[in-house]
């Protein structure tokens, strides 16, 4: 009986060691995916800021053109 219990315990310990290894591997994979997602997020945020700057500059140029057109129309009238 003691031998059977010892065998069961060895099997359970082996199973737990394997499960622990699997969980460590999964954790490492998830950590790498998280790092990649954070890097992607940083890149997207930087890209968004650049686009907002370009849109702001474009809006300012358009407004300047509208102001010029309006002032020319006012002088002509």
Protein backbone atom coordinates (compact mmCIF):
# COMPACT_ATOMS: atom_id res chain seq x y z
CA UNK A 1 0.00 0.00 0.00
CA UNK A 2 2.81 2.40 0.83
CA UNK A 3 4.41 1.60 -2.53
CA UNK A 4 1.14 2.41 -4.34
CA UNK A 5 0.79 5.70 -2.48
CA UNK A 6 4.39 6.57 -3.27
CA UNK A 7 3.81 5.80 -6.96
CA UNK A 8 0.70 7.97 -6.98
CA UNK A 9 2.59 10.79 -5.27
CA UNK A 10 5.42 10.52 -7.81
CA UNK A 11 2.92 10.69 -10.65
CA UNK A 12 1.15 13.69 -9.13
CA UNK A 13 4.45 15.49 -8.58
CA UNK A 14 5.45 14.72 -12.17
CA UNK A 15 2.12 16.05 -13.42
CA UNK A 16 2.49 19.20 -11.34
CA UNK A 17 6.03 19.76 -12.59
CA UNK A 18 4.81 19.40 -16.18
CA UNK A 19 1.86 21.70 -15.54
CA UNK A 20 4.19 24.25 -13.96
CA UNK A 21 6.48 24.11 -16.99
CA UNK A 22 3.52 24.55 -19.34
CA UNK A 23 2.31 27.54 -17.33
CA UNK A 24 5.78 29.09 -17.34
CA UNK A 25 5.96 28.68 -21.11
CA UNK A 26 2.52 30.22 -21.53
CA UNK A 27 3.46 33.07 -19.22
CA UNK A 28 6.63 33.77 -21.21
CA UNK A 29 4.66 33.74 -24.47
CA UNK A 30 2.03 36.10 -23.05
CA UNK A 31 4.73 38.42 -21.72
CA UNK A 32 6.26 38.59 -25.21
CA UNK A 33 2.85 39.24 -26.78
CA UNK A 34 2.20 41.98 -24.21
CA UNK A 35 5.55 43.59 -25.01
CA UNK A 36 4.72 43.52 -28.72
CA UNK A 37 1.25 44.97 -28.09
CA UNK A 38 2.76 47.78 -26.01
CA UNK A 39 5.31 48.52 -28.73
CA UNK A 40 2.53 48.56 -31.34
CA UNK A 41 0.45 50.85 -29.12
CA UNK A 42 3.36 53.26 -28.71
CA UNK A 43 3.88 53.33 -32.48
CA UNK A 44 0.20 53.96 -33.11
CA UNK A 45 0.07 56.77 -30.58
CA UNK A 46 3.11 58.41 -32.16
CA UNK A 47 1.53 58.05 -35.59
CA UNK A 48 -1.69 59.58 -34.29
CA UNK A 49 0.18 62.58 -32.89
CA UNK A 50 1.95 63.07 -36.20
CA UNK A 51 -1.36 62.90 -38.08
CA UNK A 52 -2.94 65.41 -35.69
CA UNK A 53 -0.04 67.79 -36.31
CA UNK A 54 -0.43 67.44 -40.07
CA UNK A 55 -4.19 67.97 -39.84
CA UNK A 56 -3.65 71.06 -37.70
CA UNK A 57 -1.18 72.48 -40.20
CA UNK A 58 -3.53 71.70 -43.08
CA UNK A 59 -6.45 73.30 -41.28
CA UNK A 60 -4.36 76.43 -40.65
CA UNK A 61 -3.39 76.63 -44.33
CA UNK A 62 -6.99 76.20 -45.44
CA UNK A 63 -8.14 78.87 -43.00
CA UNK A 64 -5.46 81.23 -44.31
CA UNK A 65 -6.65 80.61 -47.87
CA UNK A 66 -10.27 81.21 -46.87
CA UNK A 67 -9.25 84.41 -45.09
CA UNK A 68 -7.38 85.60 -48.18
CA UNK A 69 -10.28 84.75 -50.44
CA UNK A 70 -12.69 86.53 -48.11
CA UNK A 71 -10.52 89.64 -47.89
CA UNK A 72 -10.11 89.76 -51.69
CA UNK A 73 -13.89 89.40 -52.11
CA UNK A 74 -14.49 92.19 -49.60
CA UNK A 75 -12.07 94.54 -51.37
CA UNK A 76 -13.59 93.76 -54.76
CA UNK A 77 -17.11 94.43 -53.60
